[in-house]
Amino acid sequence: MQLTERHLAYWRALLKRTGLLLAIWFVVTFVVGYYAESLAFDFFGWPFAFWVGAQGALVVYVLIIGYYARTMNQLDREFGVAEAEED
């Protein structure tokens, strides 16, 4: 089966969004966590390194999931591949 230009456009948009979110995930998980200990200041009464590890990363992960779900639904509707909604 040969993919049409519309299929390729859909996959390009999908990969672009997924790649961006994976890059954000990588930065939050590895880069910020690695350098957070050297940032010696209090954030909401806790050391910043602790806050990033215990709360900050989890908040970003939830935001990534929400953004992905919302934008993928929009992309699916835009390209006509959305699932039928039940009432």
N, C-alpha and C. Protein backbone atom coordinates (compact mmCIF):
# COMPACT_ATOMS: atom_id res chain seq x y z
N MET A 1 0.84 -1.18 0.00
CA MET A 1 0.00 0.00 0.00
C MET A 1 0.89 1.24 0.00
N GLN A 2 0.58 2.13 -0.89
CA GLN A 2 1.35 3.36 -0.98
C GLN A 2 0.62 4.48 -0.24
N LEU A 3 1.37 5.23 0.54
CA LEU A 3 0.77 6.31 1.32
C LEU A 3 0.54 7.53 0.44
N THR A 4 -0.58 8.17 0.66
CA THR A 4 -0.87 9.40 -0.08
C THR A 4 -0.16 10.57 0.58
N GLU A 5 -0.20 11.71 -0.09
CA GLU A 5 0.43 12.92 0.46
C GLU A 5 -0.27 13.33 1.76
N ARG A 6 -1.56 13.08 1.85
CA ARG A 6 -2.31 13.41 3.07
C ARG A 6 -1.86 12.54 4.24
N HIS A 7 -1.63 11.25 3.98
CA HIS A 7 -1.11 10.36 5.02
C HIS A 7 0.28 10.82 5.48
N LEU A 8 1.11 11.18 4.54
CA LEU A 8 2.46 11.64 4.88
C LEU A 8 2.42 12.93 5.68
N ALA A 9 1.51 13.83 5.33
CA ALA A 9 1.38 15.09 6.08
C ALA A 9 0.93 14.80 7.52
N TYR A 10 0.01 13.86 7.67
CA TYR A 10 -0.45 13.47 9.01
C TYR A 10 0.71 12.92 9.83
N TRP A 11 1.49 12.02 9.26
CA TRP A 11 2.60 11.42 9.99
C TRP A 11 3.69 12.44 10.30
N ARG A 12 3.93 13.38 9.38
CA ARG A 12 4.92 14.43 9.67
C ARG A 12 4.47 15.27 10.86
N ALA A 13 3.20 15.65 10.89
CA ALA A 13 2.68 16.44 12.00
C ALA A 13 2.74 15.65 13.30
N LEU A 14 2.38 14.36 13.23
CA LEU A 14 2.43 13.48 14.40
C LEU A 14 3.85 13.37 14.94
N LEU A 15 4.81 13.11 14.08
CA LEU A 15 6.20 12.96 14.51
C LEU A 15 6.78 14.26 15.04
N LYS A 16 6.38 15.37 14.45
CA LYS A 16 6.86 16.68 14.91
C LYS A 16 6.40 16.94 16.35
N ARG A 17 5.12 16.71 16.61
CA ARG A 17 4.59 16.94 17.97
C ARG A 17 5.18 15.95 18.97
N THR A 18 5.27 14.70 18.56
CA THR A 18 5.82 13.69 19.46
C THR A 18 7.28 13.97 19.76
N GLY A 19 8.05 14.37 18.76
CA GLY A 19 9.46 14.70 18.96
C GLY A 19 9.65 15.88 19.90
N LEU A 20 8.81 16.89 19.75
CA LEU A 20 8.89 18.05 20.64
C LEU A 20 8.60 17.66 22.08
N LEU A 21 7.55 16.86 22.28
CA LEU A 21 7.20 16.44 23.65
C LEU A 21 8.26 15.52 24.25
N LEU A 22 8.86 14.66 23.44
CA LEU A 22 9.95 13.82 23.94
C LEU A 22 11.17 14.66 24.32
N ALA A 23 11.44 15.71 23.57
CA ALA A 23 12.55 16.60 23.91
C ALA A 23 12.29 17.30 25.24
N ILE A 24 11.06 17.76 25.44
CA ILE A 24 10.70 18.39 26.72
C ILE A 24 10.84 17.37 27.85
N TRP A 25 10.35 16.15 27.63
CA TRP A 25 10.46 15.11 28.64
C TRP A 25 11.93 14.86 28.99
N PHE A 26 12.79 14.77 27.99
CA PHE A 26 14.21 14.52 28.23
C PHE A 26 14.83 15.63 29.05
N VAL A 27 14.54 16.87 28.69
CA VAL A 27 15.11 18.02 29.42
C VAL A 27 14.65 18.00 30.87
N VAL A 28 13.36 17.78 31.10
CA VAL A 28 12.84 17.78 32.47
C VAL A 28 13.41 16.61 33.27
N THR A 29 13.50 15.45 32.65
CA THR A 29 13.93 14.26 33.37
C THR A 29 15.42 14.25 33.66
N PHE A 30 16.22 14.58 32.68
CA PHE A 30 17.67 14.43 32.84
C PHE A 30 18.41 15.74 33.04
N VAL A 31 18.14 16.74 32.24
CA VAL A 31 18.92 17.98 32.31
C VAL A 31 18.58 18.78 33.55
N VAL A 32 17.30 19.07 33.77
CA VAL A 32 16.92 19.86 34.95
C VAL A 32 17.26 19.11 36.23
N GLY A 33 16.97 17.83 36.27
CA GLY A 33 17.30 17.04 37.46
C GLY A 33 18.78 17.01 37.76
N TYR A 34 19.60 16.96 36.71
CA TYR A 34 21.05 16.92 36.90
C TYR A 34 21.58 18.24 37.45
N TYR A 35 21.05 19.36 36.95
CA TYR A 35 21.55 20.67 37.37
C TYR A 35 20.78 21.29 38.53
N ALA A 36 19.70 20.66 38.96
CA ALA A 36 18.88 21.26 40.01
C ALA A 36 19.62 21.36 41.34
N GLU A 37 20.47 20.41 41.64
CA GLU A 37 21.17 20.44 42.91
C GLU A 37 22.11 21.64 43.01
N SER A 38 22.66 22.06 41.87
CA SER A 38 23.56 23.21 41.89
C SER A 38 22.81 24.53 42.03
N LEU A 39 21.51 24.51 41.84
CA LEU A 39 20.70 25.71 42.01
C LEU A 39 20.23 25.77 43.46
N ALA A 40 21.03 26.40 44.30
CA ALA A 40 20.78 26.37 45.74
C ALA A 40 19.89 27.55 46.15
N PHE A 41 18.59 27.38 45.99
CA PHE A 41 17.64 28.36 46.50
C PHE A 41 16.36 27.64 46.89
N ASP A 42 15.57 28.30 47.73
CA ASP A 42 14.31 27.70 48.19
C ASP A 42 13.19 28.04 47.22
N PHE A 43 12.34 27.06 46.99
CA PHE A 43 11.19 27.24 46.11
C PHE A 43 9.98 26.75 46.88
N PHE A 44 9.08 27.65 47.23
CA PHE A 44 7.92 27.35 48.07
C PHE A 44 8.34 26.71 49.39
N GLY A 45 9.44 27.17 49.96
CA GLY A 45 9.89 26.69 51.26
C GLY A 45 10.70 25.42 51.24
N TRP A 46 10.96 24.85 50.07
CA TRP A 46 11.75 23.63 49.95
C TRP A 46 12.95 23.89 49.05
N PRO A 47 14.01 23.12 49.24
CA PRO A 47 15.14 23.26 48.31
C PRO A 47 14.68 22.95 46.88
N PHE A 48 15.17 23.71 45.93
CA PHE A 48 14.73 23.57 44.54
C PHE A 48 14.97 22.17 44.01
N ALA A 49 16.10 21.56 44.34
CA ALA A 49 16.40 20.20 43.85
C ALA A 49 15.33 19.21 44.32
N PHE A 50 14.92 19.33 45.57
CA PHE A 50 13.88 18.44 46.08
C PHE A 50 12.57 18.68 45.36
N TRP A 51 12.21 19.95 45.18
CA TRP A 51 10.94 20.28 44.53
C TRP A 51 10.90 19.75 43.10
N VAL A 52 11.99 19.91 42.36
CA VAL A 52 12.03 19.41 40.99
C VAL A 52 11.85 17.90 40.97
N GLY A 53 12.53 17.20 41.85
CA GLY A 53 12.45 15.75 41.88
C GLY A 53 11.10 15.24 42.35
N ALA A 54 10.52 15.90 43.34
CA ALA A 54 9.30 15.38 43.96
C ALA A 54 8.03 15.90 43.29
N GLN A 55 8.03 17.11 42.81
CA GLN A 55 6.78 17.70 42.31
C GLN A 55 6.89 18.24 40.90
N GLY A 56 7.93 18.98 40.63
CA GLY A 56 8.02 19.69 39.36
C GLY A 56 7.96 18.80 38.14
N ALA A 57 8.72 17.71 38.16
CA ALA A 57 8.73 16.81 37.02
C ALA A 57 7.37 16.16 36.81
N LEU A 58 6.71 15.78 37.89
CA LEU A 58 5.39 15.16 37.77
C LEU A 58 4.37 16.11 37.17
N VAL A 59 4.44 17.38 37.55
CA VAL A 59 3.52 18.37 36.99
C VAL A 59 3.76 18.50 35.49
N VAL A 60 5.01 18.55 35.08
CA VAL A 60 5.33 18.66 33.66
C VAL A 60 4.86 17.42 32.90
N TYR A 61 5.02 16.24 33.48
CA TYR A 61 4.57 15.01 32.81
C TYR A 61 3.06 15.02 32.59
N VAL A 62 2.31 15.45 33.58
CA VAL A 62 0.86 15.52 33.44
C VAL A 62 0.48 16.54 32.37
N LEU A 63 1.17 17.67 32.33
CA LEU A 63 0.90 18.67 31.30
C LEU A 63 1.24 18.13 29.91
N ILE A 64 2.31 17.37 29.79
CA ILE A 64 2.67 16.76 28.51
C ILE A 64 1.57 15.81 28.04
N ILE A 65 1.07 14.98 28.95
CA ILE A 65 0.01 14.02 28.60
C ILE A 65 -1.26 14.77 28.16
N GLY A 66 -1.64 15.78 28.90
CA GLY A 66 -2.83 16.55 28.54
C GLY A 66 -2.68 17.25 27.20
N TYR A 67 -1.54 17.86 26.98
CA TYR A 67 -1.28 18.54 25.70
C TYR A 67 -1.30 17.55 24.54
N TYR A 68 -0.68 16.39 24.74
CA TYR A 68 -0.64 15.38 23.68
C TYR A 68 -2.05 14.90 23.33
N ALA A 69 -2.86 14.61 24.34
CA ALA A 69 -4.22 14.12 24.09
C ALA A 69 -5.04 15.17 23.35
N ARG A 70 -4.95 16.42 23.79
CA ARG A 70 -5.74 17.49 23.16
C ARG A 70 -5.30 17.73 21.72
N THR A 71 -4.00 17.86 21.50
CA THR A 71 -3.53 18.16 20.15
C THR A 71 -3.68 16.99 19.20
N MET A 72 -3.58 15.76 19.70
CA MET A 72 -3.78 14.62 18.81
C MET A 72 -5.24 14.50 18.41
N ASN A 73 -6.17 14.81 19.31
CA ASN A 73 -7.57 14.84 18.93
C ASN A 73 -7.83 15.89 17.85
N GLN A 74 -7.21 17.06 17.99
CA GLN A 74 -7.35 18.11 16.98
C GLN A 74 -6.75 17.66 15.65
N LEU A 75 -5.60 17.03 15.69
CA LEU A 75 -4.94 16.55 14.48
C LEU A 75 -5.77 15.48 13.80
N ASP A 76 -6.34 14.57 14.58
CA ASP A 76 -7.19 13.51 14.02
C ASP A 76 -8.42 14.10 13.34
N ARG A 77 -9.04 15.11 13.98
CA ARG A 77 -10.20 15.75 13.36
C ARG A 77 -9.80 16.49 12.08
N GLU A 78 -8.66 17.16 12.12
CA GLU A 78 -8.18 17.90 10.96
C GLU A 78 -7.97 17.00 9.76
N PHE A 79 -7.46 15.80 9.98
CA PHE A 79 -7.16 14.89 8.88
C PHE A 79 -8.26 13.84 8.66
N GLY A 80 -9.35 13.95 9.39
CA GLY A 80 -10.50 13.08 9.18
C GLY A 80 -10.30 11.64 9.63
N VAL A 81 -9.48 11.44 10.64
CA VAL A 81 -9.25 10.08 11.15
C VAL A 81 -9.69 9.93 12.60
N ALA A 82 -10.50 10.86 13.07
CA ALA A 82 -10.96 10.83 14.46
C ALA A 82 -11.95 9.70 14.66
N GLU A 83 -11.96 9.17 15.87
CA GLU A 83 -12.92 8.13 16.21
C GLU A 83 -14.31 8.75 16.34
N ALA A 84 -15.33 7.96 16.05
CA ALA A 84 -16.69 8.44 16.18
C ALA A 84 -17.02 8.65 17.66
N GLU A 85 -17.64 9.78 17.96
CA GLU A 85 -18.01 10.08 19.34
C GLU A 85 -19.36 9.49 19.65
N GLU A 86 -19.47 8.86 20.83
CA GLU A 86 -20.73 8.29 21.27
C GLU A 86 -21.41 9.26 22.22
N ASP A 87 -22.75 9.31 22.13
CA ASP A 87 -23.51 10.20 23.04
C ASP A 87 -23.97 9.47 24.26
